[in-house]
């Protein structure tokens, strides 16, 4: 089923940075799958998600789920690609359309702050409302570069506040 009332995607224009961790995220994730040869598409090398981080944060006065996929991509061609996202909320799967990596729905962060390159996006409530922070979110993310190469799938779980 399509994500009901709960999730809309919004670009997080600036990241929240913590002093102890240049990435500024609390929860970590795992990676799985992928092709060790790195070539899963028609042209070039596939990106690889090294780490997926997700946490609740406040942005523009509302609670959102901030997500960052830290990656390695020899071809550096994620801009113009897609984020494939599967979301489970308290065990209920929600179908999500792929997010374009276009600087609006999702954006590439060069990692000049020392955290490494990442693709970042936020999930918020519908019509500018806050996201429900009383439920558990499980995210499975796969990146697709502009050439159509798919990365491994990385997962993260965010527990209720």
Foldseek 3Di string as FASTA:
>chain_A
DADPQFWDKWAQPDDDADPVARVRADWKWFFDDFDPVQFQADDAGAKAFPIKGWEWDADPRAIKIKIKGAIDGPVPFLQQWWKQKWKAKQNRTHHDDIFHQHNTRWHWDCCPSVNHIIIIIIIAGPPPHGHDLQIKMKMWIWGAGNRGHIYTIMITMYHHD
